[in-house]
Amino acid sequence: MDATERETALKRMSDTADAFYRDAVSIGNHPFIEFAGLMNEYILACRRAHAEGIDFTQCNRHTGNPLPLHPTMSDYINEKLECIFSGAKILQADSGEQTEAAGSH
């Protein structure tokens, strides 16, 4: 995507995350609501990447391009994953890799 397309995508992503949050709250399942937090953290990372001129749409495991994360972001992501999946995965702040949490299979 070019810069203008990315701006449009970011707006639509935010709108989608907001709609998801409203619907998730109406369901009343707290771990499901936490997905909205993950989406918003992803959007924040995408906004930061875009501000640095990085095409965030090309940052994924398939392309091999990492999405730059501020070190504190992994703590927040881990908190959400811990709530949703009871510690099944942990995101390491230094490398962005996911590893098995202690005691999970």
C-alpha atoms as a PDB file:
ATOM      1  CA  MET A   1       0.000   0.000   0.000  1.00  0.00           C
ATOM      2  CA  ASP A   2       1.071   3.543  -0.538  1.00  0.00           C
ATOM      3  CA  ALA A   3       0.884   6.122   2.276  1.00  0.00           C
ATOM      4  CA  THR A   4      -2.630   7.297   1.373  1.00  0.00           C
ATOM      5  CA  GLU A   5      -3.955   3.737   1.237  1.00  0.00           C
ATOM      6  CA  ARG A   6      -2.367   3.027   4.610  1.00  0.00           C
ATOM      7  CA  GLU A   7      -4.063   6.090   6.136  1.00  0.00           C
ATOM      8  CA  THR A   8      -7.412   4.822   4.866  1.00  0.00           C
ATOM      9  CA  ALA A   9      -6.662   1.332   6.159  1.00  0.00           C
ATOM     10  CA  LEU A  10      -5.779   2.677   9.606  1.00  0.00           C
ATOM     11  CA  LYS A  11      -9.071   4.576   9.797  1.00  0.00           C
ATOM     12  CA  ARG A  12     -11.050   1.511   8.743  1.00  0.00           C
ATOM     13  CA  MET A  13      -9.111  -0.709  11.142  1.00  0.00           C
ATOM     14  CA  SER A  14      -9.953   1.647  14.021  1.00  0.00           C
ATOM     15  CA  ASP A  15     -13.604   1.751  13.024  1.00  0.00           C
ATOM     16  CA  THR A  16     -13.687  -2.049  12.883  1.00  0.00           C
ATOM     17  CA  ALA A  17     -11.994  -2.421  16.287  1.00  0.00           C
ATOM     18  CA  ASP A  18     -14.461   0.054  17.820  1.00  0.00           C
ATOM     19  CA  ALA A  19     -17.434  -1.836  16.377  1.00  0.00           C
ATOM     20  CA  PHE A  20     -15.999  -5.139  17.605  1.00  0.00           C
ATOM     21  CA  TYR A  21     -15.535  -3.721  21.103  1.00  0.00           C
ATOM     22  CA  ARG A  22     -19.132  -2.495  21.287  1.00  0.00           C
ATOM     23  CA  ASP A  23     -20.467  -5.861  20.123  1.00  0.00           C
ATOM     24  CA  ALA A  24     -18.114  -7.842  22.375  1.00  0.00           C
ATOM     25  CA  VAL A  25     -19.180  -5.867  25.447  1.00  0.00           C
ATOM     26  CA  SER A  26     -22.809  -6.667  24.683  1.00  0.00           C
ATOM     27  CA  ILE A  27     -21.941 -10.390  24.728  1.00  0.00           C
ATOM     28  CA  GLY A  28     -20.490 -10.158  28.223  1.00  0.00           C
ATOM     29  CA  ASN A  29     -17.548 -12.566  27.866  1.00  0.00           C
ATOM     30  CA  HIS A  30     -14.529 -10.701  29.292  1.00  0.00           C
ATOM     31  CA  PRO A  31     -11.763 -12.709  27.538  1.00  0.00           C
ATOM     32  CA  PHE A  32     -13.525 -12.131  24.208  1.00  0.00           C
ATOM     33  CA  ILE A  33     -13.581  -8.381  24.894  1.00  0.00           C
ATOM     34  CA  GLU A  34      -9.795  -8.526  25.387  1.00  0.00           C
ATOM     35  CA  PHE A  35      -9.415  -9.171  21.646  1.00  0.00           C
ATOM     36  CA  ALA A  36     -10.368  -5.520  21.155  1.00  0.00           C
ATOM     37  CA  GLY A  37      -7.336  -4.576  23.232  1.00  0.00           C
ATOM     38  CA  LEU A  38      -5.129  -6.724  21.026  1.00  0.00           C
ATOM     39  CA  MET A  39      -6.589  -5.140  17.900  1.00  0.00           C
ATOM     40  CA  ASN A  40      -6.036  -1.645  19.242  1.00  0.00           C
ATOM     41  CA  GLU A  41      -2.453  -2.416  20.232  1.00  0.00           C
ATOM     42  CA  TYR A  42      -1.845  -3.773  16.729  1.00  0.00           C
ATOM     43  CA  ILE A  43      -3.353  -0.612  15.255  1.00  0.00           C
ATOM     44  CA  LEU A  44      -1.104   1.510  17.481  1.00  0.00           C
ATOM     45  CA  ALA A  45       1.954  -0.418  16.273  1.00  0.00           C
ATOM     46  CA  CYS A  46       0.784   0.041  12.676  1.00  0.00           C
ATOM     47  CA  ARG A  47       0.328   3.788  13.220  1.00  0.00           C
ATOM     48  CA  ARG A  48       3.848   4.055  14.607  1.00  0.00           C
ATOM     49  CA  ALA A  49       5.282   2.048  11.723  1.00  0.00           C
ATOM     50  CA  HIS A  50       3.369   4.181   9.210  1.00  0.00           C
ATOM     51  CA  ALA A  51       4.741   7.353  10.841  1.00  0.00           C
ATOM     52  CA  GLU A  52       8.231   5.926  10.222  1.00  0.00           C
ATOM     53  CA  GLY A  53       7.409   5.272   6.557  1.00  0.00           C
ATOM     54  CA  ILE A  54       7.048   1.511   7.028  1.00  0.00           C
ATOM     55  CA  ASP A  55       4.327  -0.316   5.099  1.00  0.00           C
ATOM     56  CA  PHE A  56       2.778  -2.163   8.026  1.00  0.00           C
ATOM     57  CA  THR A  57       0.711  -4.291   5.643  1.00  0.00           C
ATOM     58  CA  GLN A  58       3.941  -6.038   4.707  1.00  0.00           C
ATOM     59  CA  CYS A  59       4.982  -6.747   8.306  1.00  0.00           C
ATOM     60  CA  ASN A  60       4.114 -10.343   9.095  1.00  0.00           C
ATOM     61  CA  ARG A  61       5.567 -13.814   9.431  1.00  0.00           C
ATOM     62  CA  HIS A  62       4.938 -14.585   5.737  1.00  0.00           C
ATOM     63  CA  THR A  63       7.045 -11.691   4.438  1.00  0.00           C
ATOM     64  CA  GLY A  64       9.653 -11.908   7.179  1.00  0.00           C
ATOM     65  CA  ASN A  65       9.303  -8.189   7.899  1.00  0.00           C
ATOM     66  CA  PRO A  66       8.781  -7.549  11.616  1.00  0.00           C
ATOM     67  CA  LEU A  67       6.310  -4.967  12.855  1.00  0.00           C
ATOM     68  CA  PRO A  68       8.310  -2.655  15.106  1.00  0.00           C
ATOM     69  CA  LEU A  69       7.011  -2.784  18.684  1.00  0.00           C
ATOM     70  CA  HIS A  70       7.877  -0.467  21.521  1.00  0.00           C
ATOM     71  CA  PRO A  71       9.248  -2.692  24.329  1.00  0.00           C
ATOM     72  CA  THR A  72       6.323  -1.937  26.653  1.00  0.00           C
ATOM     73  CA  MET A  73       3.858  -3.120  24.020  1.00  0.00           C
ATOM     74  CA  SER A  74       4.830  -6.749  24.537  1.00  0.00           C
ATOM     75  CA  ASP A  75       3.878  -6.479  28.229  1.00  0.00           C
ATOM     76  CA  TYR A  76       0.408  -5.258  27.298  1.00  0.00           C
ATOM     77  CA  ILE A  77       0.035  -7.929  24.602  1.00  0.00           C
ATOM     78  CA  ASN A  78       1.100 -10.605  27.091  1.00  0.00           C
ATOM     79  CA  GLU A  79      -1.476  -9.350  29.580  1.00  0.00           C
ATOM     80  CA  LYS A  80      -4.213  -9.722  26.972  1.00  0.00           C
ATOM     81  CA  LEU A  81      -2.992 -13.156  25.844  1.00  0.00           C
ATOM     82  CA  GLU A  82      -2.788 -14.295  29.459  1.00  0.00           C
ATOM     83  CA  CYS A  83      -6.419 -13.323  30.005  1.00  0.00           C
ATOM     84  CA  ILE A  84      -7.668 -14.849  26.756  1.00  0.00           C
ATOM     85  CA  PHE A  85      -5.595 -18.025  26.611  1.00  0.00           C
ATOM     86  CA  SER A  86      -4.486 -18.506  30.235  1.00  0.00           C
ATOM     87  CA  GLY A  87      -0.761 -18.168  29.497  1.00  0.00           C
ATOM     88  CA  ALA A  88      -0.583 -20.371  26.409  1.00  0.00           C
ATOM     89  CA  LYS A  89       1.864 -18.018  24.655  1.00  0.00           C
ATOM     90  CA  ILE A  90       4.247 -15.294  25.705  1.00  0.00           C
ATOM     91  CA  LEU A  91       5.636 -12.527  23.515  1.00  0.00           C
ATOM     92  CA  GLN A  92       9.244 -11.736  24.352  1.00  0.00           C
ATOM     93  CA  ALA A  93      10.018  -8.026  24.457  1.00  0.00           C
ATOM     94  CA  ASP A  94      13.496  -8.331  22.980  1.00  0.00           C
ATOM     95  CA  SER A  95      12.813 -10.379  19.867  1.00  0.00           C
ATOM     96  CA  GLY A  96       9.071 -10.398  19.333  1.00  0.00           C
ATOM     97  CA  GLU A  97       9.150 -14.203  19.249  1.00  0.00           C
ATOM     98  CA  GLN A  98       6.446 -16.297  20.805  1.00  0.00           C
ATOM     99  CA  THR A  99       7.462 -19.134  23.083  1.00  0.00           C
ATOM    100  CA  GLU A 100       5.616 -21.724  25.108  1.00  0.00           C
ATOM    101  CA  ALA A 101       4.765 -20.486  28.580  1.00  0.00           C
ATOM    102  CA  ALA A 102       5.927 -22.514  31.542  1.00  0.00           C
ATOM    103  CA  GLY A 103       3.604 -25.390  32.205  1.00  0.00           C
ATOM    104  CA  SER A 104       1.574 -25.121  28.991  1.00  0.00           C
ATOM    105  CA  HIS A 105       1.414 -27.679  26.228  1.00  0.00           C
END
